């Protein structure tokens, strides 16, 4: 049931959220791909709502993955799902635009601050 609910809310956000659609378009305008399949609903540690990771490169460009935590009760609220998606999409945008190195504390701090501010946290 958690997986179905997560997938349903994710699909609504992908189609109808102005922030999510804007950020996806901005990422694609930079030349990076972000297919729908790269948003994945799966169980997570109980302390987070989502996460960003790179699953490799395609044509020299990063291929990001956004995990949406299906087992977190608050993720059943559209506003929380949308905020999480926006937060993680900011990381995807920054990674595409600035070639971030997440092992560099300055890069990581900068993208976290931007993501928190732009997602409404």
C-alpha atoms as a PDB file:
ATOM      1  CA  UNK A   1       0.000   0.000   0.000  1.00  0.00           C
ATOM      2  CA  UNK A   2       2.814   2.472   0.856  1.00  0.00           C
ATOM      3  CA  UNK A   3       4.399   1.953  -2.552  1.00  0.00           C
ATOM      4  CA  UNK A   4       1.108   2.535  -4.390  1.00  0.00           C
ATOM      5  CA  UNK A   5       0.397   5.732  -2.416  1.00  0.00           C
ATOM      6  CA  UNK A   6       3.928   7.037  -3.020  1.00  0.00           C
ATOM      7  CA  UNK A   7       3.728   6.312  -6.763  1.00  0.00           C
ATOM      8  CA  UNK A   8       0.336   7.994  -7.014  1.00  0.00           C
ATOM      9  CA  UNK A   9       1.411  11.197  -5.266  1.00  0.00           C
ATOM     10  CA  UNK A  10       4.710  11.229  -7.178  1.00  0.00           C
ATOM     11  CA  UNK A  11       2.846  11.032 -10.508  1.00  0.00           C
ATOM     12  CA  UNK A  12       0.512  13.887  -9.496  1.00  0.00           C
ATOM     13  CA  UNK A  13       3.500  16.058  -8.531  1.00  0.00           C
ATOM     14  CA  UNK A  14       5.308  15.246 -11.782  1.00  0.00           C
ATOM     15  CA  UNK A  15       2.260  16.287 -13.816  1.00  0.00           C
ATOM     16  CA  UNK A  16       0.737  19.136 -11.827  1.00  0.00           C
ATOM     17  CA  UNK A  17       3.314  20.732  -9.510  1.00  0.00           C
ATOM     18  CA  UNK A  18       4.560  24.005 -11.042  1.00  0.00           C
ATOM     19  CA  UNK A  19       7.800  23.850  -9.047  1.00  0.00           C
ATOM     20  CA  UNK A  20       8.577  20.264 -10.019  1.00  0.00           C
ATOM     21  CA  UNK A  21       7.791  20.797 -13.706  1.00  0.00           C
ATOM     22  CA  UNK A  22       9.775  24.062 -13.757  1.00  0.00           C
ATOM     23  CA  UNK A  23      12.872  22.466 -12.218  1.00  0.00           C
ATOM     24  CA  UNK A  24      12.714  19.434 -14.521  1.00  0.00           C
ATOM     25  CA  UNK A  25      12.489  21.745 -17.545  1.00  0.00           C
ATOM     26  CA  UNK A  26      15.387  23.854 -16.235  1.00  0.00           C
ATOM     27  CA  UNK A  27      17.533  20.727 -15.819  1.00  0.00           C
ATOM     28  CA  UNK A  28      16.718  19.602 -19.357  1.00  0.00           C
ATOM     29  CA  UNK A  29      17.455  23.116 -20.684  1.00  0.00           C
ATOM     30  CA  UNK A  30      20.966  22.709 -19.265  1.00  0.00           C
ATOM     31  CA  UNK A  31      21.339  19.579 -21.396  1.00  0.00           C
ATOM     32  CA  UNK A  32      20.920  17.011 -18.631  1.00  0.00           C
ATOM     33  CA  UNK A  33      18.271  14.316 -18.772  1.00  0.00           C
ATOM     34  CA  UNK A  34      15.984  13.562 -15.877  1.00  0.00           C
ATOM     35  CA  UNK A  35      13.557  10.831 -16.911  1.00  0.00           C
ATOM     36  CA  UNK A  36      10.550   9.988 -14.766  1.00  0.00           C
ATOM     37  CA  UNK A  37      12.087   6.583 -14.002  1.00  0.00           C
ATOM     38  CA  UNK A  38      14.802   8.373 -12.008  1.00  0.00           C
ATOM     39  CA  UNK A  39      12.215   9.225  -9.314  1.00  0.00           C
ATOM     40  CA  UNK A  40      12.010   6.036  -7.254  1.00  0.00           C
ATOM     41  CA  UNK A  41       9.642   5.206  -4.396  1.00  0.00           C
ATOM     42  CA  UNK A  42      11.310   2.838  -1.959  1.00  0.00           C
ATOM     43  CA  UNK A  43      11.636   2.152   1.777  1.00  0.00           C
ATOM     44  CA  UNK A  44      14.183   4.316   3.633  1.00  0.00           C
ATOM     45  CA  UNK A  45      15.735   4.982   6.996  1.00  0.00           C
ATOM     46  CA  UNK A  46      13.039   6.491   9.222  1.00  0.00           C
ATOM     47  CA  UNK A  47      14.862   9.819   9.636  1.00  0.00           C
ATOM     48  CA  UNK A  48      14.558  11.128   6.039  1.00  0.00           C
ATOM     49  CA  UNK A  49      11.840  11.759   3.449  1.00  0.00           C
ATOM     50  CA  UNK A  50      14.013  11.423   0.370  1.00  0.00           C
ATOM     51  CA  UNK A  51      17.481  11.492  -1.076  1.00  0.00           C
ATOM     52  CA  UNK A  52      19.608  12.405  -4.054  1.00  0.00           C
ATOM     53  CA  UNK A  53      22.309  10.261  -5.593  1.00  0.00           C
ATOM     54  CA  UNK A  54      24.115   9.817  -8.878  1.00  0.00           C
ATOM     55  CA  UNK A  55      23.669   6.528 -10.656  1.00  0.00           C
ATOM     56  CA  UNK A  56      26.477   7.201 -13.105  1.00  0.00           C
ATOM     57  CA  UNK A  57      26.905   9.266 -16.240  1.00  0.00           C
ATOM     58  CA  UNK A  58      25.446   9.265 -19.720  1.00  0.00           C
ATOM     59  CA  UNK A  59      27.350  11.050 -22.457  1.00  0.00           C
ATOM     60  CA  UNK A  60      29.578  12.735 -19.866  1.00  0.00           C
ATOM     61  CA  UNK A  61      26.575  14.174 -18.010  1.00  0.00           C
ATOM     62  CA  UNK A  62      25.483  13.091 -14.519  1.00  0.00           C
ATOM     63  CA  UNK A  63      22.481  10.759 -14.227  1.00  0.00           C
ATOM     64  CA  UNK A  64      20.776  11.626 -10.939  1.00  0.00           C
ATOM     65  CA  UNK A  65      18.351   9.469  -8.980  1.00  0.00           C
ATOM     66  CA  UNK A  66      15.806  10.825  -6.512  1.00  0.00           C
ATOM     67  CA  UNK A  67      14.583   8.438  -3.840  1.00  0.00           C
ATOM     68  CA  UNK A  68      11.178   9.142  -2.310  1.00  0.00           C
ATOM     69  CA  UNK A  69      10.687   7.360   0.999  1.00  0.00           C
ATOM     70  CA  UNK A  70       7.475   5.380   0.739  1.00  0.00           C
ATOM     71  CA  UNK A  71       7.486   4.096   4.316  1.00  0.00           C
ATOM     72  CA  UNK A  72       7.466   7.563   5.922  1.00  0.00           C
ATOM     73  CA  UNK A  73       3.902   8.418   6.998  1.00  0.00           C
ATOM     74  CA  UNK A  74       4.234  12.164   6.365  1.00  0.00           C
ATOM     75  CA  UNK A  75       5.171  11.459   2.715  1.00  0.00           C
ATOM     76  CA  UNK A  76       1.509  10.582   2.127  1.00  0.00           C
ATOM     77  CA  UNK A  77       0.846  14.343   2.187  1.00  0.00           C
ATOM     78  CA  UNK A  78       1.191  15.947  -1.247  1.00  0.00           C
ATOM     79  CA  UNK A  79       2.863  19.071   0.127  1.00  0.00           C
ATOM     80  CA  UNK A  80       5.599  17.005   1.811  1.00  0.00           C
ATOM     81  CA  UNK A  81       6.168  14.899  -1.311  1.00  0.00           C
ATOM     82  CA  UNK A  82       6.344  18.049  -3.443  1.00  0.00           C
ATOM     83  CA  UNK A  83       8.756  19.761  -1.044  1.00  0.00           C
ATOM     84  CA  UNK A  84      10.977  16.678  -0.994  1.00  0.00           C
ATOM     85  CA  UNK A  85      10.957  16.434  -4.793  1.00  0.00           C
ATOM     86  CA  UNK A  86      11.813  20.134  -5.148  1.00  0.00           C
ATOM     87  CA  UNK A  87      14.627  19.856  -2.576  1.00  0.00           C
ATOM     88  CA  UNK A  88      16.173  16.900  -4.392  1.00  0.00           C
ATOM     89  CA  UNK A  89      15.645  18.475  -7.849  1.00  0.00           C
ATOM     90  CA  UNK A  90      17.659  21.506  -6.713  1.00  0.00           C
ATOM     91  CA  UNK A  91      20.548  19.111  -6.059  1.00  0.00           C
ATOM     92  CA  UNK A  92      20.056  17.654  -9.553  1.00  0.00           C
ATOM     93  CA  UNK A  93      20.043  21.131 -11.079  1.00  0.00           C
ATOM     94  CA  UNK A  94      23.147  22.199  -9.156  1.00  0.00           C
ATOM     95  CA  UNK A  95      24.934  18.989 -10.115  1.00  0.00           C
ATOM     96  CA  UNK A  96      24.194  19.538 -13.789  1.00  0.00           C
ATOM     97  CA  UNK A  97      24.989  23.263 -13.777  1.00  0.00           C
ATOM     98  CA  UNK A  98      28.031  23.408 -11.525  1.00  0.00           C
ATOM     99  CA  UNK A  99      29.483  19.881 -11.637  1.00  0.00           C
ATOM    100  CA  UNK A 100      29.225  19.574  -7.861  1.00  0.00           C
ATOM    101  CA  UNK A 101      31.591  17.447  -5.851  1.00  0.00           C
ATOM    102  CA  UNK A 102      29.578  16.210  -2.869  1.00  0.00           C
ATOM    103  CA  UNK A 103      32.827  15.281  -1.102  1.00  0.00           C
ATOM    104  CA  UNK A 104      33.678  18.999  -1.070  1.00  0.00           C
ATOM    105  CA  UNK A 105      32.019  20.398   2.068  1.00  0.00           C
ATOM    106  CA  UNK A 106      31.618  23.868   0.525  1.00  0.00           C
ATOM    107  CA  UNK A 107      29.810  22.453  -2.534  1.00  0.00           C
ATOM    108  CA  UNK A 108      27.620  20.248  -0.365  1.00  0.00           C
ATOM    109  CA  UNK A 109      26.726  23.054   2.043  1.00  0.00           C
ATOM    110  CA  UNK A 110      25.876  25.424  -0.813  1.00  0.00           C
ATOM    111  CA  UNK A 111      23.486  23.020  -2.527  1.00  0.00           C
ATOM    112  CA  UNK A 112      21.844  22.071   0.793  1.00  0.00           C
ATOM    113  CA  UNK A 113      21.213  25.735   1.628  1.00  0.00           C
ATOM    114  CA  UNK A 114      19.790  26.400  -1.847  1.00  0.00           C
ATOM    115  CA  UNK A 115      17.624  23.276  -1.692  1.00  0.00           C
ATOM    116  CA  UNK A 116      16.276  24.158   1.753  1.00  0.00           C
ATOM    117  CA  UNK A 117      15.458  27.719   0.718  1.00  0.00           C
ATOM    118  CA  UNK A 118      13.900  26.865  -2.643  1.00  0.00           C
ATOM    119  CA  UNK A 119      11.833  23.948  -1.347  1.00  0.00           C
ATOM    120  CA  UNK A 120      10.241  26.013   1.413  1.00  0.00           C
ATOM    121  CA  UNK A 121      11.810  24.153   4.335  1.00  0.00           C
END
